[in-house]
Amino acid sequence: MPTRNLRILMAAAITTIGAAAFWSTSARSQINASPSWIPIGVSSSGTTSTAWFHEPSSRQALACQTETTPGSGITGVKCVVARLP
């Protein structure tokens, strides 16, 4: 292969790599937007259990209540979210 063709191929390769690097998207950090719930407490009475959670940055509280029936396990889960003053 003549030297001139090799130089042209090398120049084309370098130009292509440079253009790809210029137009490629840069790495960006991913924002974790999911809330981090902190457990506050739990209580139970009979077949009902309740758990409370708090998310400090959004000032929200979450309460989840479960119902159980003997022999069949959990029959349902109900959750309520409220914003704290």
N, C-alpha and C. Protein backbone atom coordinates (compact mmCIF):
# COMPACT_ATOMS: atom_id res chain seq x y z
N MET A 1 0.85 -1.17 0.00
CA MET A 1 0.00 0.00 0.00
C MET A 1 0.90 1.24 0.00
N PRO A 2 0.67 2.14 -0.88
CA PRO A 2 1.50 3.34 -0.95
C PRO A 2 1.35 4.18 0.32
N THR A 3 2.37 4.95 0.63
CA THR A 3 2.42 5.78 1.82
C THR A 3 1.33 6.86 1.80
N ARG A 4 1.06 7.39 0.63
CA ARG A 4 0.04 8.44 0.51
C ARG A 4 -1.34 7.92 0.93
N ASN A 5 -1.72 6.70 0.48
CA ASN A 5 -3.01 6.13 0.86
C ASN A 5 -3.08 5.86 2.36
N LEU A 6 -1.98 5.42 2.95
CA LEU A 6 -1.94 5.16 4.39
C LEU A 6 -2.13 6.46 5.17
N ARG A 7 -1.52 7.54 4.71
CA ARG A 7 -1.68 8.85 5.37
C ARG A 7 -3.13 9.34 5.28
N ILE A 8 -3.74 9.14 4.13
CA ILE A 8 -5.14 9.56 3.95
C ILE A 8 -6.06 8.76 4.86
N LEU A 9 -5.83 7.45 4.96
CA LEU A 9 -6.64 6.60 5.85
C LEU A 9 -6.45 6.99 7.31
N MET A 10 -5.22 7.27 7.70
CA MET A 10 -4.96 7.68 9.09
C MET A 10 -5.62 9.03 9.40
N ALA A 11 -5.54 9.96 8.47
CA ALA A 11 -6.17 11.27 8.67
C ALA A 11 -7.69 11.13 8.76
N ALA A 12 -8.27 10.28 7.93
CA ALA A 12 -9.71 10.06 7.97
C ALA A 12 -10.12 9.40 9.28
N ALA A 13 -9.33 8.46 9.76
CA ALA A 13 -9.64 7.79 11.03
C ALA A 13 -9.56 8.77 12.19
N ILE A 14 -8.53 9.60 12.23
CA ILE A 14 -8.39 10.58 13.31
C ILE A 14 -9.52 11.60 13.26
N THR A 15 -9.89 12.03 12.07
CA THR A 15 -10.99 12.98 11.92
C THR A 15 -12.31 12.37 12.39
N THR A 16 -12.54 11.11 12.03
CA THR A 16 -13.77 10.43 12.44
C THR A 16 -13.82 10.27 13.96
N ILE A 17 -12.72 9.88 14.57
CA ILE A 17 -12.68 9.72 16.03
C ILE A 17 -12.87 11.06 16.72
N GLY A 18 -12.24 12.11 16.19
CA GLY A 18 -12.41 13.44 16.77
C GLY A 18 -13.83 13.95 16.66
N ALA A 19 -14.46 13.72 15.52
CA ALA A 19 -15.85 14.15 15.34
C ALA A 19 -16.78 13.37 16.27
N ALA A 20 -16.53 12.08 16.42
CA ALA A 20 -17.37 11.26 17.31
C ALA A 20 -17.21 11.72 18.76
N ALA A 21 -16.00 12.05 19.17
CA ALA A 21 -15.78 12.53 20.54
C ALA A 21 -16.44 13.89 20.76
N PHE A 22 -16.43 14.73 19.73
CA PHE A 22 -17.03 16.06 19.84
C PHE A 22 -18.55 15.99 19.97
N TRP A 23 -19.19 15.12 19.19
CA TRP A 23 -20.65 15.06 19.17
C TRP A 23 -21.24 14.05 20.15
N SER A 24 -20.44 13.26 20.80
CA SER A 24 -20.98 12.29 21.74
C SER A 24 -21.44 13.00 23.00
N THR A 25 -22.41 12.42 23.67
CA THR A 25 -22.91 13.02 24.90
C THR A 25 -21.93 12.76 26.03
N SER A 26 -21.79 13.73 26.87
CA SER A 26 -20.89 13.57 28.00
C SER A 26 -21.60 12.82 29.12
N ALA A 27 -20.83 12.21 30.00
CA ALA A 27 -21.40 11.47 31.12
C ALA A 27 -21.99 12.45 32.12
N ARG A 28 -23.18 12.14 32.58
CA ARG A 28 -23.85 12.99 33.57
C ARG A 28 -24.23 12.13 34.76
N SER A 29 -24.12 12.71 35.93
CA SER A 29 -24.51 11.96 37.12
C SER A 29 -26.03 11.83 37.17
N GLN A 30 -26.48 10.73 37.71
CA GLN A 30 -27.91 10.48 37.79
C GLN A 30 -28.43 11.01 39.12
N ILE A 31 -29.53 11.73 39.06
CA ILE A 31 -30.13 12.30 40.26
C ILE A 31 -31.04 11.26 40.89
N ASN A 32 -30.84 11.01 42.16
CA ASN A 32 -31.70 10.08 42.89
C ASN A 32 -32.88 10.88 43.43
N ALA A 33 -34.02 10.78 42.75
CA ALA A 33 -35.20 11.55 43.13
C ALA A 33 -36.16 10.76 44.02
N SER A 34 -35.82 9.53 44.32
CA SER A 34 -36.72 8.73 45.15
C SER A 34 -36.58 9.14 46.61
N PRO A 35 -37.69 9.23 47.32
CA PRO A 35 -37.61 9.62 48.72
C PRO A 35 -36.99 8.52 49.57
N SER A 36 -36.34 8.92 50.65
CA SER A 36 -35.78 7.94 51.58
C SER A 36 -36.61 7.98 52.86
N TRP A 37 -37.49 7.04 52.99
CA TRP A 37 -38.42 6.99 54.12
C TRP A 37 -37.70 6.44 55.36
N ILE A 38 -37.87 7.14 56.47
CA ILE A 38 -37.28 6.72 57.75
C ILE A 38 -38.40 6.14 58.60
N PRO A 39 -38.23 4.90 59.09
CA PRO A 39 -39.30 4.32 59.93
C PRO A 39 -39.42 5.06 61.25
N ILE A 40 -40.67 5.34 61.64
CA ILE A 40 -40.94 6.03 62.90
C ILE A 40 -41.39 5.03 63.96
N GLY A 41 -42.35 4.18 63.60
CA GLY A 41 -42.86 3.24 64.59
C GLY A 41 -43.87 2.30 63.99
N VAL A 42 -44.23 1.29 64.77
CA VAL A 42 -45.23 0.31 64.37
C VAL A 42 -46.16 0.04 65.54
N SER A 43 -47.35 -0.43 65.21
CA SER A 43 -48.29 -0.86 66.25
C SER A 43 -49.18 -1.93 65.67
N SER A 44 -49.73 -2.73 66.55
CA SER A 44 -50.67 -3.76 66.09
C SER A 44 -51.75 -3.95 67.14
N SER A 45 -52.92 -4.32 66.64
CA SER A 45 -54.06 -4.58 67.49
C SER A 45 -54.94 -5.60 66.79
N GLY A 46 -55.07 -6.77 67.37
CA GLY A 46 -55.88 -7.81 66.76
C GLY A 46 -55.26 -8.29 65.46
N THR A 47 -55.98 -8.12 64.36
CA THR A 47 -55.49 -8.57 63.05
C THR A 47 -54.99 -7.41 62.19
N THR A 48 -54.84 -6.22 62.80
CA THR A 48 -54.42 -5.03 62.06
C THR A 48 -53.05 -4.57 62.56
N SER A 49 -52.15 -4.24 61.63
CA SER A 49 -50.84 -3.68 61.95
C SER A 49 -50.65 -2.39 61.18
N THR A 50 -50.00 -1.41 61.81
CA THR A 50 -49.76 -0.13 61.18
C THR A 50 -48.29 0.23 61.34
N ALA A 51 -47.70 0.78 60.28
CA ALA A 51 -46.32 1.25 60.31
C ALA A 51 -46.30 2.69 59.82
N TRP A 52 -45.49 3.54 60.49
CA TRP A 52 -45.38 4.94 60.13
C TRP A 52 -43.96 5.24 59.65
N PHE A 53 -43.87 6.08 58.63
CA PHE A 53 -42.58 6.48 58.07
C PHE A 53 -42.56 7.99 57.87
N HIS A 54 -41.36 8.56 57.84
CA HIS A 54 -41.19 10.01 57.66
C HIS A 54 -40.12 10.25 56.60
N GLU A 55 -40.35 11.24 55.74
CA GLU A 55 -39.37 11.63 54.72
C GLU A 55 -39.02 13.09 54.98
N PRO A 56 -37.86 13.34 55.61
CA PRO A 56 -37.54 14.70 56.08
C PRO A 56 -37.44 15.76 54.98
N SER A 57 -36.85 15.46 53.84
CA SER A 57 -36.62 16.50 52.83
C SER A 57 -37.92 17.03 52.23
N SER A 58 -38.94 16.19 52.10
CA SER A 58 -40.22 16.66 51.56
C SER A 58 -41.25 16.90 52.66
N ARG A 59 -40.87 16.65 53.91
CA ARG A 59 -41.76 16.82 55.07
C ARG A 59 -43.06 16.06 54.91
N GLN A 60 -42.95 14.79 54.55
CA GLN A 60 -44.13 13.95 54.39
C GLN A 60 -44.10 12.81 55.40
N ALA A 61 -45.29 12.35 55.75
CA ALA A 61 -45.45 11.19 56.61
C ALA A 61 -46.26 10.15 55.85
N LEU A 62 -45.92 8.88 56.06
CA LEU A 62 -46.60 7.77 55.39
C LEU A 62 -47.04 6.79 56.45
N ALA A 63 -48.30 6.37 56.38
CA ALA A 63 -48.83 5.35 57.29
C ALA A 63 -49.41 4.23 56.44
N CYS A 64 -48.96 3.00 56.72
CA CYS A 64 -49.47 1.83 56.00
C CYS A 64 -50.09 0.87 57.00
N GLN A 65 -51.28 0.39 56.67
CA GLN A 65 -52.02 -0.50 57.55
C GLN A 65 -52.27 -1.82 56.81
N THR A 66 -52.04 -2.93 57.49
CA THR A 66 -52.28 -4.25 56.91
C THR A 66 -53.36 -4.96 57.69
N GLU A 67 -54.15 -5.74 56.99
CA GLU A 67 -55.18 -6.59 57.59
C GLU A 67 -54.78 -8.04 57.35
N THR A 68 -54.89 -8.86 58.35
CA THR A 68 -54.60 -10.29 58.19
C THR A 68 -55.80 -11.10 58.63
N THR A 69 -55.92 -12.27 58.05
CA THR A 69 -56.92 -13.23 58.48
C THR A 69 -56.20 -14.51 58.85
N PRO A 70 -56.58 -15.13 59.94
CA PRO A 70 -55.92 -16.36 60.36
C PRO A 70 -56.00 -17.44 59.28
N GLY A 71 -54.85 -18.01 58.94
CA GLY A 71 -54.81 -19.08 57.96
C GLY A 71 -54.52 -18.64 56.54
N SER A 72 -54.87 -17.38 56.17
CA SER A 72 -54.65 -16.96 54.79
C SER A 72 -53.61 -15.85 54.67
N GLY A 73 -53.15 -15.26 55.76
CA GLY A 73 -52.12 -14.23 55.71
C GLY A 73 -52.68 -12.84 55.49
N ILE A 74 -51.89 -11.99 54.84
CA ILE A 74 -52.28 -10.60 54.62
C ILE A 74 -53.38 -10.52 53.57
N THR A 75 -54.46 -9.82 53.92
CA THR A 75 -55.57 -9.68 52.98
C THR A 75 -55.56 -8.34 52.26
N GLY A 76 -54.83 -7.36 52.82
CA GLY A 76 -54.78 -6.07 52.14
C GLY A 76 -53.83 -5.11 52.82
N VAL A 77 -53.34 -4.14 52.04
CA VAL A 77 -52.46 -3.10 52.56
C VAL A 77 -53.03 -1.76 52.08
N LYS A 78 -53.20 -0.83 53.01
CA LYS A 78 -53.68 0.52 52.70
C LYS A 78 -52.66 1.52 53.19
N CYS A 79 -52.25 2.45 52.33
CA CYS A 79 -51.26 3.46 52.71
C CYS A 79 -51.82 4.86 52.46
N VAL A 80 -51.44 5.79 53.32
CA VAL A 80 -51.86 7.17 53.22
C VAL A 80 -50.62 8.05 53.41
N VAL A 81 -50.48 9.05 52.54
CA VAL A 81 -49.37 10.00 52.65
C VAL A 81 -49.93 11.37 52.99
N ALA A 82 -49.28 12.05 53.93
CA ALA A 82 -49.71 13.39 54.32
C ALA A 82 -48.50 14.30 54.44
N ARG A 83 -48.71 15.57 54.12
CA ARG A 83 -47.62 16.55 54.24
C ARG A 83 -47.68 17.14 55.63
N LEU A 84 -46.52 17.22 56.28
CA LEU A 84 -46.46 17.77 57.62
C LEU A 84 -46.40 19.30 57.57
N PRO A 85 -46.92 19.96 58.60
CA PRO A 85 -46.91 21.43 58.61
C PRO A 85 -45.50 21.98 58.77
